[in-house]
Amino acid sequence: EIQTKLREWRSKTHQEDFRNSMFGPSAILPDDLIQDLASVGPIPTLIHLDKILAGRWYFFSEYGSELLTVLKEI
């Protein structure tokens, strides 16, 4: 369920913010990061999310808070 929701979020984000770009939704949040996020359990804070992603997510500053909200809703 977590992976499905994260894929839905990245597709929605791609459609809203990057519709005319040359890259696909997986460039926004790669599958390996989705797997990591799905395997760690609850993520209570933005700081915790940042530690899990450990600088591997280019869009953290732009979408980190939004992603955390999605994770908390699951």
Protein backbone atom coordinates (compact mmCIF):
# COMPACT_ATOMS: atom_id res chain seq x y z
CA GLU A 1 0.00 0.00 0.00
CA ILE A 2 2.80 2.45 0.84
CA GLN A 3 4.56 1.89 -2.46
CA THR A 4 1.30 2.28 -4.37
CA LYS A 5 0.49 5.57 -2.64
CA LEU A 6 4.00 6.93 -3.24
CA ARG A 7 3.82 6.00 -6.93
CA GLU A 8 0.44 7.70 -7.16
CA TRP A 9 1.88 10.83 -5.52
CA ARG A 10 4.87 11.01 -7.86
CA SER A 11 2.62 10.53 -10.92
CA LYS A 12 0.30 13.28 -9.72
CA THR A 13 3.26 15.57 -8.98
CA HIS A 14 4.76 14.85 -12.39
CA GLN A 15 1.46 15.61 -14.10
CA GLU A 16 0.98 18.86 -12.18
CA ASP A 17 4.53 20.24 -12.17
CA PHE A 18 6.46 18.51 -14.94
CA ARG A 19 3.87 17.64 -17.57
CA ASN A 20 5.98 18.89 -20.47
CA SER A 21 9.34 17.68 -19.21
CA MET A 22 11.47 15.06 -20.89
CA PHE A 23 11.69 12.85 -17.79
CA GLY A 24 9.05 10.57 -16.34
CA PRO A 25 7.54 10.30 -12.85
CA SER A 26 10.30 8.01 -11.60
CA ALA A 27 12.76 10.90 -11.89
CA ILE A 28 10.80 12.71 -9.18
CA LEU A 29 10.96 9.82 -6.70
CA PRO A 30 12.91 6.77 -7.89
CA ASP A 31 11.73 3.23 -7.16
CA ASP A 32 14.68 2.49 -4.88
CA LEU A 33 13.72 5.40 -2.62
CA ILE A 34 10.09 4.25 -2.61
CA GLN A 35 11.26 0.82 -1.47
CA ASP A 36 13.41 2.36 1.25
CA LEU A 37 10.56 4.54 2.51
CA ALA A 38 8.18 1.58 2.53
CA SER A 39 10.56 -0.56 4.56
CA VAL A 40 11.41 1.71 7.51
CA GLY A 41 8.10 2.06 9.30
CA PRO A 42 6.55 5.34 10.48
CA ILE A 43 8.37 8.56 9.61
CA PRO A 44 7.29 11.16 12.16
CA THR A 45 9.26 14.24 11.12
CA LEU A 46 10.91 15.98 8.21
CA ILE A 47 14.28 15.53 9.93
CA HIS A 48 13.68 11.78 10.12
CA LEU A 49 12.71 11.72 6.43
CA ASP A 50 15.89 13.60 5.55
CA LYS A 51 18.01 11.09 7.48
CA ILE A 52 16.37 8.16 5.69
CA LEU A 53 16.92 9.69 2.28
CA ALA A 54 20.46 10.76 3.27
CA GLY A 55 20.88 13.33 0.53
CA ARG A 56 19.84 10.88 -2.21
CA TRP A 57 16.68 12.74 -3.20
CA TYR A 58 17.19 15.80 -5.37
CA PHE A 59 13.68 17.14 -4.73
CA PHE A 60 13.79 17.03 -0.92
CA SER A 61 13.79 20.81 -0.44
CA GLU A 62 10.91 21.26 -2.88
CA TYR A 63 8.70 18.30 -2.01
CA GLY A 64 9.91 16.93 1.34
CA SER A 65 7.05 18.37 3.39
CA GLU A 66 4.47 17.22 0.87
CA LEU A 67 5.95 13.72 0.80
CA LEU A 68 5.94 13.57 4.59
CA THR A 69 2.25 14.47 4.59
CA VAL A 70 1.54 11.65 2.14
CA LEU A 71 3.48 9.19 4.31
CA LYS A 72 1.63 10.25 7.46
CA GLU A 73 -1.73 9.73 5.73
CA ILE A 74 -0.95 6.10 4.92
